[in-house]
Amino acid sequence: MRSTDEVKGYEIHATDQKIGHIDGFILNDEDWSLPYIIVDTRNWLPSGYKVLISHKCIEAVNWAGGSIVVNVSAKNIKESPPFDL
């Protein structure tokens, strides 16, 4: 088990390239699950914005390297609607 503070900032790698880093999490307060990660794309996209990626898309976590691989293409992430809190 890890603290969300510990993984905040981890790089996110899509199926074809690095697309950003973890900026936060969406918490389901009914069952305390984390159904979505908030990904900041500003270091990848010129217009950089935040997107949501389902926890179900996580393929692998590299704890030592501070990165997460998701099974979503960069194109799909780029076409995702921006998340604005």
PDB file of N, CA and C in Angstrom:
ATOM      1  N   MET A   1       0.838  -1.164   0.000  1.00  0.00           N
ATOM      2  CA  MET A   1       0.000   0.000   0.000  1.00  0.00           C
ATOM      3  C   MET A   1       0.894   1.242   0.000  1.00  0.00           C
ATOM      4  N   ARG A   2       0.518   2.230  -0.785  1.00  0.00           N
ATOM      5  CA  ARG A   2       1.285   3.469  -0.893  1.00  0.00           C
ATOM      6  C   ARG A   2       0.381   4.657  -0.602  1.00  0.00           C
ATOM      7  N   SER A   3       0.980   5.717  -0.171  1.00  0.00           N
ATOM      8  CA  SER A   3       0.263   6.964   0.033  1.00  0.00           C
ATOM      9  C   SER A   3       0.061   7.637  -1.324  1.00  0.00           C
ATOM     10  N   THR A   4      -1.080   8.294  -1.505  1.00  0.00           N
ATOM     11  CA  THR A   4      -1.293   9.033  -2.751  1.00  0.00           C
ATOM     12  C   THR A   4      -0.251  10.135  -2.894  1.00  0.00           C
ATOM     13  N   ASP A   5       0.211  10.697  -1.780  1.00  0.00           N
ATOM     14  CA  ASP A   5       1.260  11.726  -1.848  1.00  0.00           C
ATOM     15  C   ASP A   5       2.543  11.159  -2.437  1.00  0.00           C
ATOM     16  N   GLU A   6       2.799   9.889  -2.187  1.00  0.00           N
ATOM     17  CA  GLU A   6       4.026   9.264  -2.684  1.00  0.00           C
ATOM     18  C   GLU A   6       4.004   9.079  -4.204  1.00  0.00           C
ATOM     19  N   VAL A   7       2.843   8.768  -4.777  1.00  0.00           N
ATOM     20  CA  VAL A   7       2.783   8.516  -6.219  1.00  0.00           C
ATOM     21  C   VAL A   7       2.401   9.754  -7.033  1.00  0.00           C
ATOM     22  N   LYS A   8       1.988  10.809  -6.364  1.00  0.00           N
ATOM     23  CA  LYS A   8       1.705  12.067  -7.064  1.00  0.00           C
ATOM     24  C   LYS A   8       3.007  12.540  -7.705  1.00  0.00           C
ATOM     25  N   GLY A   9       2.945  12.851  -8.989  1.00  0.00           N
ATOM     26  CA  GLY A   9       4.143  13.239  -9.724  1.00  0.00           C
ATOM     27  C   GLY A   9       4.739  12.114 -10.555  1.00  0.00           C
ATOM     28  N   TYR A  10       4.298  10.858 -10.335  1.00  0.00           N
ATOM     29  CA  TYR A  10       4.802   9.754 -11.152  1.00  0.00           C
ATOM     30  C   TYR A  10       4.518  10.029 -12.626  1.00  0.00           C
ATOM     31  N   GLU A  11       5.475   9.690 -13.484  1.00  0.00           N
ATOM     32  CA  GLU A  11       5.288   9.830 -14.926  1.00  0.00           C
ATOM     33  C   GLU A  11       4.246   8.829 -15.406  1.00  0.00           C
ATOM     34  N   ILE A  12       3.482   9.233 -16.418  1.00  0.00           N
ATOM     35  CA  ILE A  12       2.499   8.346 -17.034  1.00  0.00           C
ATOM     36  C   ILE A  12       2.958   8.058 -18.458  1.00  0.00           C
ATOM     37  N   HIS A  13       3.067   6.785 -18.774  1.00  0.00           N
ATOM     38  CA  HIS A  13       3.470   6.352 -20.111  1.00  0.00           C
ATOM     39  C   HIS A  13       2.286   5.672 -20.784  1.00  0.00           C
ATOM     40  N   ALA A  14       1.877   6.216 -21.923  1.00  0.00           N
ATOM     41  CA  ALA A  14       0.832   5.589 -22.733  1.00  0.00           C
ATOM     42  C   ALA A  14       1.463   4.413 -23.469  1.00  0.00           C
ATOM     43  N   THR A  15       0.700   3.774 -24.334  1.00  0.00           N
ATOM     44  CA  THR A  15       1.229   2.622 -25.070  1.00  0.00           C
ATOM     45  C   THR A  15       2.348   3.012 -26.017  1.00  0.00           C
ATOM     46  N   ASP A  16       2.430   4.299 -26.363  1.00  0.00           N
ATOM     47  CA  ASP A  16       3.396   4.715 -27.375  1.00  0.00           C
ATOM     48  C   ASP A  16       4.327   5.848 -26.969  1.00  0.00           C
ATOM     49  N   GLN A  17       4.107   6.487 -25.826  1.00  0.00           N
ATOM     50  CA  GLN A  17       5.010   7.554 -25.384  1.00  0.00           C
ATOM     51  C   GLN A  17       4.610   8.071 -24.008  1.00  0.00           C
ATOM     52  N   LYS A  18       5.510   8.853 -23.414  1.00  0.00           N
ATOM     53  CA  LYS A  18       5.221   9.511 -22.140  1.00  0.00           C
ATOM     54  C   LYS A  18       4.219  10.633 -22.409  1.00  0.00           C
ATOM     55  N   ILE A  19       3.196  10.749 -21.540  1.00  0.00           N
ATOM     56  CA  ILE A  19       2.158  11.742 -21.810  1.00  0.00           C
ATOM     57  C   ILE A  19       1.914  12.703 -20.648  1.00  0.00           C
ATOM     58  N   GLY A  20       2.597  12.555 -19.549  1.00  0.00           N
ATOM     59  CA  GLY A  20       2.390  13.473 -18.444  1.00  0.00           C
ATOM     60  C   GLY A  20       2.757  12.860 -17.115  1.00  0.00           C
ATOM     61  N   HIS A  21       2.147  13.394 -16.062  1.00  0.00           N
ATOM     62  CA  HIS A  21       2.410  12.900 -14.712  1.00  0.00           C
ATOM     63  C   HIS A  21       1.140  12.961 -13.870  1.00  0.00           C
ATOM     64  N   ILE A  22       1.126  12.187 -12.797  1.00  0.00           N
ATOM     65  CA  ILE A  22      -0.039  12.167 -11.913  1.00  0.00           C
ATOM     66  C   ILE A  22      -0.113  13.486 -11.160  1.00  0.00           C
ATOM     67  N   ASP A  23      -1.279  14.119 -11.261  1.00  0.00           N
ATOM     68  CA  ASP A  23      -1.512  15.381 -10.568  1.00  0.00           C
ATOM     69  C   ASP A  23      -2.428  15.191  -9.371  1.00  0.00           C
ATOM     70  N   GLY A  24      -3.222  14.125  -9.382  1.00  0.00           N
ATOM     71  CA  GLY A  24      -4.143  13.882  -8.280  1.00  0.00           C
ATOM     72  C   GLY A  24      -4.986  12.656  -8.532  1.00  0.00           C
ATOM     73  N   PHE A  25      -6.016  12.500  -7.724  1.00  0.00           N
ATOM     74  CA  PHE A  25      -6.865  11.318  -7.774  1.00  0.00           C
ATOM     75  C   PHE A  25      -8.314  11.716  -7.549  1.00  0.00           C
ATOM     76  N   ILE A  26      -9.230  10.927  -8.098  1.00  0.00           N
ATOM     77  CA  ILE A  26     -10.646  11.062  -7.807  1.00  0.00           C
ATOM     78  C   ILE A  26     -10.984   9.965  -6.804  1.00  0.00           C
ATOM     79  N   LEU A  27     -11.553  10.345  -5.683  1.00  0.00           N
ATOM     80  CA  LEU A  27     -11.891   9.407  -4.621  1.00  0.00           C
ATOM     81  C   LEU A  27     -13.391   9.155  -4.599  1.00  0.00           C
ATOM     82  N   ASN A  28     -13.779   7.878  -4.575  1.00  0.00           N
ATOM     83  CA  ASN A  28     -15.173   7.504  -4.385  1.00  0.00           C
ATOM     84  C   ASN A  28     -15.389   7.420  -2.880  1.00  0.00           C
ATOM     85  N   ASP A  29     -16.119   8.382  -2.319  1.00  0.00           N
ATOM     86  CA  ASP A  29     -16.259   8.427  -0.867  1.00  0.00           C
ATOM     87  C   ASP A  29     -17.250   7.402  -0.307  1.00  0.00           C
ATOM     88  N   GLU A  30     -17.898   6.641  -1.180  1.00  0.00           N
ATOM     89  CA  GLU A  30     -18.789   5.575  -0.691  1.00  0.00           C
ATOM     90  C   GLU A  30     -18.016   4.314  -0.342  1.00  0.00           C
ATOM     91  N   ASP A  31     -17.023   3.962  -1.185  1.00  0.00           N
ATOM     92  CA  ASP A  31     -16.266   2.737  -0.912  1.00  0.00           C
ATOM     93  C   ASP A  31     -14.757   2.976  -0.787  1.00  0.00           C
ATOM     94  N   TRP A  32     -14.334   4.234  -0.798  1.00  0.00           N
ATOM     95  CA  TRP A  32     -12.939   4.638  -0.636  1.00  0.00           C
ATOM     96  C   TRP A  32     -12.019   4.138  -1.752  1.00  0.00           C
ATOM     97  N   SER A  33     -12.594   3.853  -2.918  1.00  0.00           N
ATOM     98  CA  SER A  33     -11.772   3.441  -4.053  1.00  0.00           C
ATOM     99  C   SER A  33     -11.264   4.687  -4.793  1.00  0.00           C
ATOM    100  N   LEU A  34     -10.271   4.487  -5.630  1.00  0.00           N
ATOM    101  CA  LEU A  34      -9.712   5.556  -6.461  1.00  0.00           C
ATOM    102  C   LEU A  34      -9.966   5.196  -7.923  1.00  0.00           C
ATOM    103  N   PRO A  35     -11.154   5.495  -8.442  1.00  0.00           N
ATOM    104  CA  PRO A  35     -11.504   5.058  -9.788  1.00  0.00           C
ATOM    105  C   PRO A  35     -10.748   5.777 -10.912  1.00  0.00           C
ATOM    106  N   TYR A  36     -10.238   6.971 -10.650  1.00  0.00           N
ATOM    107  CA  TYR A  36      -9.541   7.730 -11.695  1.00  0.00           C
ATOM    108  C   TYR A  36      -8.288   8.392 -11.154  1.00  0.00           C
ATOM    109  N   ILE A  37      -7.282   8.474 -12.037  1.00  0.00           N
ATOM    110  CA  ILE A  37      -6.116   9.303 -11.749  1.00  0.00           C
ATOM    111  C   ILE A  37      -6.239  10.553 -12.612  1.00  0.00           C
ATOM    112  N   ILE A  38      -5.799  11.660 -12.075  1.00  0.00           N
ATOM    113  CA  ILE A  38      -5.789  12.917 -12.815  1.00  0.00           C
ATOM    114  C   ILE A  38      -4.388  13.080 -13.376  1.00  0.00           C
ATOM    115  N   VAL A  39      -4.297  13.193 -14.709  1.00  0.00           N
ATOM    116  CA  VAL A  39      -3.005  13.291 -15.378  1.00  0.00           C
ATOM    117  C   VAL A  39      -2.828  14.696 -15.942  1.00  0.00           C
ATOM    118  N   ASP A  40      -1.718  15.318 -15.583  1.00  0.00           N
ATOM    119  CA  ASP A  40      -1.368  16.640 -16.100  1.00  0.00           C
ATOM    120  C   ASP A  40      -0.516  16.435 -17.355  1.00  0.00           C
ATOM    121  N   THR A  41      -0.970  16.976 -18.487  1.00  0.00           N
ATOM    122  CA  THR A  41      -0.282  16.767 -19.771  1.00  0.00           C
ATOM    123  C   THR A  41       0.531  17.979 -20.206  1.00  0.00           C
ATOM    124  N   ARG A  42       0.706  18.971 -19.344  1.00  0.00           N
ATOM    125  CA  ARG A  42       1.347  20.229 -19.767  1.00  0.00           C
ATOM    126  C   ARG A  42       2.784  20.067 -20.261  1.00  0.00           C
ATOM    127  N   ASN A  43       3.498  19.038 -19.822  1.00  0.00           N
ATOM    128  CA  ASN A  43       4.868  18.829 -20.300  1.00  0.00           C
ATOM    129  C   ASN A  43       4.908  18.070 -21.626  1.00  0.00           C
ATOM    130  N   TRP A  44       3.731  17.648 -22.095  1.00  0.00           N
ATOM    131  CA  TRP A  44       3.645  16.900 -23.354  1.00  0.00           C
ATOM    132  C   TRP A  44       2.904  17.698 -24.418  1.00  0.00           C
ATOM    133  N   LEU A  45       1.757  18.228 -24.070  1.00  0.00           N
ATOM    134  CA  LEU A  45       0.955  18.990 -25.030  1.00  0.00           C
ATOM    135  C   LEU A  45       1.201  20.484 -24.855  1.00  0.00           C
ATOM    136  N   PRO A  46       1.363  21.213 -25.949  1.00  0.00           N
ATOM    137  CA  PRO A  46       1.583  22.660 -25.846  1.00  0.00           C
ATOM    138  C   PRO A  46       0.464  23.374 -25.085  1.00  0.00           C
ATOM    139  N   SER A  47      -0.764  22.919 -25.273  1.00  0.00           N
ATOM    140  CA  SER A  47      -1.891  23.547 -24.589  1.00  0.00           C
ATOM    141  C   SER A  47      -2.167  22.893 -23.243  1.00  0.00           C
ATOM    142  N   GLY A  48      -1.319  21.977 -22.830  1.00  0.00           N
ATOM    143  CA  GLY A  48      -1.415  21.194 -21.605  1.00  0.00           C
ATOM    144  C   GLY A  48      -2.655  21.364 -20.759  1.00  0.00           C
ATOM    145  N   TYR A  49      -3.307  20.297 -20.497  1.00  0.00           N
ATOM    146  CA  TYR A  49      -4.484  20.283 -19.649  1.00  0.00           C
ATOM    147  C   TYR A  49      -4.499  18.964 -18.885  1.00  0.00           C
ATOM    148  N   LYS A  50      -5.459  18.820 -17.999  1.00  0.00           N
ATOM    149  CA  LYS A  50      -5.572  17.597 -17.201  1.00  0.00           C
ATOM    150  C   LYS A  50      -6.645  16.691 -17.779  1.00  0.00           C
ATOM    151  N   VAL A  51      -6.401  15.386 -17.725  1.00  0.00           N
ATOM    152  CA  VAL A  51      -7.366  14.387 -18.181  1.00  0.00           C
ATOM    153  C   VAL A  51      -7.521  13.327 -17.097  1.00  0.00           C
ATOM    154  N   LEU A  52      -8.643  12.620 -17.162  1.00  0.00           N
ATOM    155  CA  LEU A  52      -8.872  11.505 -16.249  1.00  0.00           C
ATOM    156  C   LEU A  52      -8.557  10.197 -16.953  1.00  0.00           C
ATOM    157  N   ILE A  53      -7.899   9.303 -16.252  1.00  0.00           N
ATOM    158  CA  ILE A  53      -7.640   7.960 -16.763  1.00  0.00           C
ATOM    159  C   ILE A  53      -8.114   6.973 -15.703  1.00  0.00           C
ATOM    160  N   SER A  54      -8.915   6.019 -16.120  1.00  0.00           N
ATOM    161  CA  SER A  54      -9.443   5.021 -15.202  1.00  0.00           C
ATOM    162  C   SER A  54      -8.315   4.168 -14.619  1.00  0.00           C
ATOM    163  N   HIS A  55      -8.460   3.804 -13.368  1.00  0.00           N
ATOM    164  CA  HIS A  55      -7.483   2.911 -12.736  1.00  0.00           C
ATOM    165  C   HIS A  55      -7.438   1.559 -13.452  1.00  0.00           C
ATOM    166  N   LYS A  56      -8.514   1.212 -14.158  1.00  0.00           N
ATOM    167  CA  LYS A  56      -8.553  -0.056 -14.883  1.00  0.00           C
ATOM    168  C   LYS A  56      -7.589  -0.072 -16.069  1.00  0.00           C
ATOM    169  N   CYS A  57      -7.119   1.081 -16.491  1.00  0.00           N
ATOM    170  CA  CYS A  57      -6.191   1.178 -17.622  1.00  0.00           C
ATOM    171  C   CYS A  57      -4.733   0.987 -17.201  1.00  0.00           C
ATOM    172  N   ILE A  58      -4.474   0.925 -15.919  1.00  0.00           N
ATOM    173  CA  ILE A  58      -3.093   0.780 -15.449  1.00  0.00           C
ATOM    174  C   ILE A  58      -2.597  -0.630 -15.753  1.00  0.00           C
ATOM    175  N   GLU A  59      -1.514  -0.690 -16.490  1.00  0.00           N
ATOM    176  CA  GLU A  59      -0.893  -1.971 -16.865  1.00  0.00           C
ATOM    177  C   GLU A  59       0.215  -2.358 -15.892  1.00  0.00           C
ATOM    178  N   ALA A  60       1.037  -1.364 -15.506  1.00  0.00           N
ATOM    179  CA  ALA A  60       2.188  -1.656 -14.657  1.00  0.00           C
ATOM    180  C   ALA A  60       2.588  -0.414 -13.875  1.00  0.00           C
ATOM    181  N   VAL A  61       3.154  -0.667 -12.700  1.00  0.00           N
ATOM    182  CA  VAL A  61       3.680   0.414 -11.873  1.00  0.00           C
ATOM    183  C   VAL A  61       5.148   0.113 -11.600  1.00  0.00           C
ATOM    184  N   ASN A  62       5.994   1.087 -11.866  1.00  0.00           N
ATOM    185  CA  ASN A  62       7.418   0.968 -11.567  1.00  0.00           C
ATOM    186  C   ASN A  62       7.675   1.818 -10.330  1.00  0.00           C
ATOM    187  N   TRP A  63       7.616   1.194  -9.158  1.00  0.00           N
ATOM    188  CA  TRP A  63       7.772   1.927  -7.899  1.00  0.00           C
ATOM    189  C   TRP A  63       9.143   2.570  -7.813  1.00  0.00           C
ATOM    190  N   ALA A  64      10.180   1.845  -8.179  1.00  0.00           N
ATOM    191  CA  ALA A  64      11.543   2.378  -8.076  1.00  0.00           C
ATOM    192  C   ALA A  64      11.784   3.513  -9.076  1.00  0.00           C
ATOM    193  N   GLY A  65      11.180   3.387 -10.275  1.00  0.00           N
ATOM    194  CA  GLY A  65      11.389   4.392 -11.307  1.00  0.00           C
ATOM    195  C   GLY A  65      10.391   5.530 -11.281  1.00  0.00           C
ATOM    196  N   GLY A  66       9.361   5.414 -10.457  1.00  0.00           N
ATOM    197  CA  GLY A  66       8.372   6.482 -10.339  1.00  0.00           C
ATOM    198  C   GLY A  66       7.546   6.690 -11.594  1.00  0.00           C
ATOM    199  N   SER A  67       7.084   5.583 -12.185  1.00  0.00           N
ATOM    200  CA  SER A  67       6.281   5.712 -13.400  1.00  0.00           C
ATOM    201  C   SER A  67       5.176   4.661 -13.453  1.00  0.00           C
ATOM    202  N   ILE A  68       4.175   4.970 -14.268  1.00  0.00           N
ATOM    203  CA  ILE A  68       3.032   4.085 -14.460  1.00  0.00           C
ATOM    204  C   ILE A  68       2.790   3.943 -15.955  1.00  0.00           C
ATOM    205  N   VAL A  69       2.511   2.724 -16.395  1.00  0.00           N
ATOM    206  CA  VAL A  69       2.184   2.452 -17.799  1.00  0.00           C
ATOM    207  C   VAL A  69       0.685   2.187 -17.888  1.00  0.00           C
ATOM    208  N   VAL A  70       0.026   2.871 -18.831  1.00  0.00           N
ATOM    209  CA  VAL A  70      -1.405   2.658 -19.051  1.00  0.00           C
ATOM    210  C   VAL A  70      -1.623   2.097 -20.449  1.00  0.00           C
ATOM    211  N   ASN A  71      -2.701   1.326 -20.617  1.00  0.00           N
ATOM    212  CA  ASN A  71      -2.980   0.692 -21.911  1.00  0.00           C
ATOM    213  C   ASN A  71      -3.894   1.568 -22.770  1.00  0.00           C
ATOM    214  N   VAL A  72      -3.501   2.829 -22.906  1.00  0.00           N
ATOM    215  CA  VAL A  72      -4.226   3.812 -23.706  1.00  0.00           C
ATOM    216  C   VAL A  72      -3.201   4.505 -24.589  1.00  0.00           C
ATOM    217  N   SER A  73      -3.557   4.775 -25.826  1.00  0.00           N
ATOM    218  CA  SER A  73      -2.611   5.449 -26.726  1.00  0.00           C
ATOM    219  C   SER A  73      -2.560   6.943 -26.431  1.00  0.00           C
ATOM    220  N   ALA A  74      -1.457   7.557 -26.804  1.00  0.00           N
ATOM    221  CA  ALA A  74      -1.316   9.003 -26.651  1.00  0.00           C
ATOM    222  C   ALA A  74      -2.388   9.734 -27.452  1.00  0.00           C
ATOM    223  N   LYS A  75      -2.744   9.209 -28.614  1.00  0.00           N
ATOM    224  CA  LYS A  75      -3.788   9.822 -29.444  1.00  0.00           C
ATOM    225  C   LYS A  75      -5.119   9.858 -28.693  1.00  0.00           C
ATOM    226  N   ASN A  76      -5.483   8.755 -28.046  1.00  0.00           N
ATOM    227  CA  ASN A  76      -6.740   8.718 -27.282  1.00  0.00           C
ATOM    228  C   ASN A  76      -6.719   9.704 -26.118  1.00  0.00           C
ATOM    229  N   ILE A  77      -5.589   9.828 -25.478  1.00  0.00           N
ATOM    230  CA  ILE A  77      -5.479  10.768 -24.366  1.00  0.00           C
ATOM    231  C   ILE A  77      -5.576  12.203 -24.875  1.00  0.00           C
ATOM    232  N   LYS A  78      -4.918  12.466 -26.005  1.00  0.00           N
ATOM    233  CA  LYS A  78      -4.957  13.809 -26.597  1.00  0.00           C
ATOM    234  C   LYS A  78      -6.386  14.190 -26.980  1.00  0.00           C
ATOM    235  N   GLU A  79      -7.194  13.213 -27.388  1.00  0.00           N
ATOM    236  CA  GLU A  79      -8.582  13.475 -27.803  1.00  0.00           C
ATOM    237  C   GLU A  79      -9.569  13.444 -26.622  1.00  0.00           C
ATOM    238  N   SER A  80      -9.077  13.161 -25.434  1.00  0.00           N
ATOM    239  CA  SER A  80      -9.941  13.127 -24.245  1.00  0.00           C
ATOM    240  C   SER A  80     -10.371  14.549 -23.874  1.00  0.00           C
ATOM    241  N   PRO A  81     -11.559  14.667 -23.310  1.00  0.00           N
ATOM    242  CA  PRO A  81     -11.969  15.997 -22.855  1.00  0.00           C
ATOM    243  C   PRO A  81     -11.124  16.431 -21.658  1.00  0.00           C
ATOM    244  N   PRO A  82     -10.824  17.702 -21.563  1.00  0.00           N
ATOM    245  CA  PRO A  82     -10.050  18.178 -20.401  1.00  0.00           C
ATOM    246  C   PRO A  82     -10.858  18.014 -19.112  1.00  0.00           C
ATOM    247  N   PHE A  83     -10.146  17.753 -18.044  1.00  0.00           N
ATOM    248  CA  PHE A  83     -10.775  17.673 -16.725  1.00  0.00           C
ATOM    249  C   PHE A  83     -10.505  18.982 -16.013  1.00  0.00           C
ATOM    250  N   ASP A  84     -11.559  19.600 -15.531  1.00  0.00           N
ATOM    251  CA  ASP A  84     -11.421  20.860 -14.805  1.00  0.00           C
ATOM    252  C   ASP A  84     -12.209  20.750 -13.524  1.00  0.00           C
ATOM    253  N   LEU A  85     -11.532  20.852 -12.430  1.00  0.00           N
ATOM    254  CA  LEU A  85     -12.158  20.718 -11.124  1.00  0.00           C
ATOM    255  C   LEU A  85     -12.933  21.933 -10.741  1.00  0.00           C
TER     256      LEU A  85
END
